[in-house]
Amino acid sequence: MSKPAPSLHDKLTQLRERFIEQLSSRLVQIAEQWQQSCSSPEEQTRLAPELHRFFHSLKGTGEIARL
């Protein structure tokens, strides 16, 4: 017999757990990118879209996980 599909609650719980597990490494990545962007105007221009994606992804995932 097959295992029942996980409930929405179970899926959200797993998503929250993964989000929390990955949060510290994502924050380190953001801090590193921020430091690099502060080194020169050229780096700031180059890294601004990447920083925006990091923050946008972090915010979106946090909202989905209801954090």
N, C-alpha and C. Protein backbone atom coordinates (compact mmCIF):
# COMPACT_ATOMS: atom_id res chain seq x y z
N MET A 1 0.84 -1.18 0.00
CA MET A 1 0.00 0.00 0.00
C MET A 1 0.89 1.24 0.00
N SER A 2 0.50 2.29 -0.71
CA SER A 2 1.33 3.50 -0.79
C SER A 2 1.09 4.40 0.41
N LYS A 3 2.08 5.17 0.68
CA LYS A 3 2.05 6.12 1.79
C LYS A 3 1.15 7.30 1.41
N PRO A 4 0.30 7.78 2.33
CA PRO A 4 -0.57 8.91 1.99
C PRO A 4 0.26 10.17 1.72
N ALA A 5 -0.26 11.00 0.85
CA ALA A 5 0.41 12.26 0.52
C ALA A 5 0.45 13.16 1.76
N PRO A 6 1.55 13.90 1.92
CA PRO A 6 1.63 14.80 3.08
C PRO A 6 0.57 15.90 3.00
N SER A 7 0.08 16.28 4.15
CA SER A 7 -0.94 17.33 4.21
C SER A 7 -0.28 18.70 3.97
N LEU A 8 -1.10 19.69 3.73
CA LEU A 8 -0.59 21.05 3.56
C LEU A 8 0.17 21.49 4.80
N HIS A 9 -0.34 21.17 5.95
CA HIS A 9 0.33 21.51 7.21
C HIS A 9 1.72 20.88 7.26
N ASP A 10 1.82 19.60 6.87
CA ASP A 10 3.12 18.91 6.86
C ASP A 10 4.09 19.57 5.88
N LYS A 11 3.58 19.94 4.71
CA LYS A 11 4.42 20.59 3.70
C LYS A 11 4.93 21.94 4.19
N LEU A 12 4.03 22.72 4.82
CA LEU A 12 4.45 24.02 5.35
C LEU A 12 5.46 23.86 6.49
N THR A 13 5.27 22.85 7.31
CA THR A 13 6.21 22.58 8.39
C THR A 13 7.58 22.25 7.83
N GLN A 14 7.63 21.42 6.79
CA GLN A 14 8.91 21.07 6.16
C GLN A 14 9.55 22.30 5.53
N LEU A 15 8.74 23.14 4.88
CA LEU A 15 9.26 24.36 4.27
C LEU A 15 9.85 25.28 5.32
N ARG A 16 9.14 25.45 6.44
CA ARG A 16 9.65 26.29 7.54
C ARG A 16 10.98 25.76 8.06
N GLU A 17 11.06 24.44 8.25
CA GLU A 17 12.29 23.84 8.76
C GLU A 17 13.45 24.07 7.81
N ARG A 18 13.23 23.88 6.51
CA ARG A 18 14.29 24.10 5.52
C ARG A 18 14.70 25.57 5.48
N PHE A 19 13.70 26.47 5.56
CA PHE A 19 13.98 27.90 5.55
C PHE A 19 14.88 28.26 6.73
N ILE A 20 14.53 27.78 7.91
CA ILE A 20 15.30 28.09 9.11
C ILE A 20 16.70 27.49 9.02
N GLU A 21 16.81 26.27 8.50
CA GLU A 21 18.12 25.63 8.34
C GLU A 21 19.03 26.42 7.40
N GLN A 22 18.46 26.98 6.35
CA GLN A 22 19.25 27.67 5.33
C GLN A 22 19.42 29.16 5.62
N LEU A 23 18.71 29.68 6.59
CA LEU A 23 18.71 31.12 6.84
C LEU A 23 20.10 31.65 7.16
N SER A 24 20.84 31.00 8.02
CA SER A 24 22.15 31.54 8.40
C SER A 24 23.11 31.60 7.20
N SER A 25 23.09 30.57 6.35
CA SER A 25 23.99 30.61 5.18
C SER A 25 23.54 31.68 4.19
N ARG A 26 22.25 31.89 4.06
CA ARG A 26 21.77 32.95 3.17
C ARG A 26 22.16 34.33 3.69
N LEU A 27 22.07 34.51 5.00
CA LEU A 27 22.47 35.80 5.58
C LEU A 27 23.97 36.04 5.40
N VAL A 28 24.76 34.98 5.50
CA VAL A 28 26.20 35.12 5.26
C VAL A 28 26.44 35.55 3.82
N GLN A 29 25.73 34.92 2.88
CA GLN A 29 25.87 35.31 1.47
C GLN A 29 25.51 36.77 1.26
N ILE A 30 24.43 37.21 1.88
CA ILE A 30 24.01 38.60 1.74
C ILE A 30 25.08 39.53 2.32
N ALA A 31 25.61 39.19 3.49
CA ALA A 31 26.65 40.02 4.12
C ALA A 31 27.90 40.10 3.24
N GLU A 32 28.28 38.98 2.64
CA GLU A 32 29.45 38.98 1.76
C GLU A 32 29.22 39.84 0.52
N GLN A 33 28.05 39.70 -0.07
CA GLN A 33 27.73 40.51 -1.24
C GLN A 33 27.67 41.99 -0.87
N TRP A 34 27.14 42.29 0.30
CA TRP A 34 27.04 43.68 0.75
C TRP A 34 28.45 44.27 0.92
N GLN A 35 29.34 43.51 1.55
CA GLN A 35 30.72 43.98 1.74
C GLN A 35 31.38 44.26 0.38
N GLN A 36 31.20 43.35 -0.54
CA GLN A 36 31.78 43.53 -1.88
C GLN A 36 31.20 44.76 -2.56
N SER A 37 29.89 44.96 -2.40
CA SER A 37 29.25 46.09 -3.08
C SER A 37 29.72 47.43 -2.51
N CYS A 38 30.18 47.43 -1.28
CA CYS A 38 30.66 48.66 -0.66
C CYS A 38 32.08 49.01 -1.09
N SER A 39 32.76 48.10 -1.78
CA SER A 39 34.17 48.33 -2.13
C SER A 39 34.35 49.36 -3.23
N SER A 40 33.38 49.50 -4.12
CA SER A 40 33.50 50.49 -5.19
C SER A 40 32.13 50.70 -5.84
N PRO A 41 31.98 51.84 -6.51
CA PRO A 41 30.71 52.08 -7.21
C PRO A 41 30.44 51.03 -8.29
N GLU A 42 31.50 50.55 -8.95
CA GLU A 42 31.32 49.55 -9.99
C GLU A 42 30.79 48.25 -9.41
N GLU A 43 31.34 47.85 -8.27
CA GLU A 43 30.86 46.63 -7.60
C GLU A 43 29.42 46.81 -7.13
N GLN A 44 29.10 48.00 -6.66
CA GLN A 44 27.74 48.26 -6.20
C GLN A 44 26.76 48.10 -7.37
N THR A 45 27.12 48.65 -8.52
CA THR A 45 26.27 48.53 -9.71
C THR A 45 26.15 47.07 -10.14
N ARG A 46 27.26 46.35 -10.10
CA ARG A 46 27.27 44.97 -10.55
C ARG A 46 26.47 44.06 -9.60
N LEU A 47 26.58 44.30 -8.30
CA LEU A 47 25.98 43.41 -7.32
C LEU A 47 24.57 43.81 -6.88
N ALA A 48 24.13 45.00 -7.21
CA ALA A 48 22.80 45.45 -6.77
C ALA A 48 21.68 44.49 -7.20
N PRO A 49 21.67 44.03 -8.46
CA PRO A 49 20.60 43.09 -8.84
C PRO A 49 20.66 41.78 -8.06
N GLU A 50 21.87 41.31 -7.80
CA GLU A 50 22.01 40.05 -7.05
C GLU A 50 21.53 40.22 -5.61
N LEU A 51 21.89 41.33 -4.98
CA LEU A 51 21.41 41.60 -3.62
C LEU A 51 19.89 41.71 -3.59
N HIS A 52 19.35 42.38 -4.60
CA HIS A 52 17.90 42.50 -4.68
C HIS A 52 17.25 41.12 -4.75
N ARG A 53 17.80 40.22 -5.56
CA ARG A 53 17.26 38.85 -5.68
C ARG A 53 17.36 38.11 -4.35
N PHE A 54 18.50 38.26 -3.66
CA PHE A 54 18.66 37.60 -2.36
C PHE A 54 17.56 38.04 -1.40
N PHE A 55 17.37 39.38 -1.27
CA PHE A 55 16.36 39.89 -0.34
C PHE A 55 14.95 39.50 -0.77
N HIS A 56 14.69 39.59 -2.07
CA HIS A 56 13.37 39.25 -2.58
C HIS A 56 13.05 37.77 -2.32
N SER A 57 14.03 36.92 -2.56
CA SER A 57 13.85 35.48 -2.33
C SER A 57 13.64 35.19 -0.84
N LEU A 58 14.44 35.82 0.00
CA LEU A 58 14.33 35.63 1.44
C LEU A 58 12.95 36.07 1.94
N LYS A 59 12.50 37.22 1.48
CA LYS A 59 11.20 37.73 1.88
C LYS A 59 10.08 36.81 1.39
N GLY A 60 10.14 36.42 0.15
CA GLY A 60 9.10 35.57 -0.42
C GLY A 60 9.00 34.21 0.26
N THR A 61 10.15 33.61 0.49
CA THR A 61 10.16 32.30 1.14
C THR A 61 9.67 32.43 2.58
N GLY A 62 10.06 33.49 3.26
CA GLY A 62 9.58 33.71 4.63
C GLY A 62 8.08 33.89 4.69
N GLU A 63 7.53 34.59 3.70
CA GLU A 63 6.08 34.78 3.67
C GLU A 63 5.35 33.46 3.39
N ILE A 64 5.90 32.67 2.48
CA ILE A 64 5.27 31.39 2.16
C ILE A 64 5.31 30.48 3.39
N ALA A 65 6.44 30.51 4.11
CA ALA A 65 6.59 29.67 5.30
C ALA A 65 5.87 30.25 6.51
N ARG A 66 5.28 31.42 6.30
CA ARG A 66 4.53 32.12 7.36
C ARG A 66 5.41 32.45 8.56
N LEU A 67 6.59 33.00 8.25
CA LEU A 67 7.51 33.40 9.31
C LEU A 67 7.57 34.90 9.41
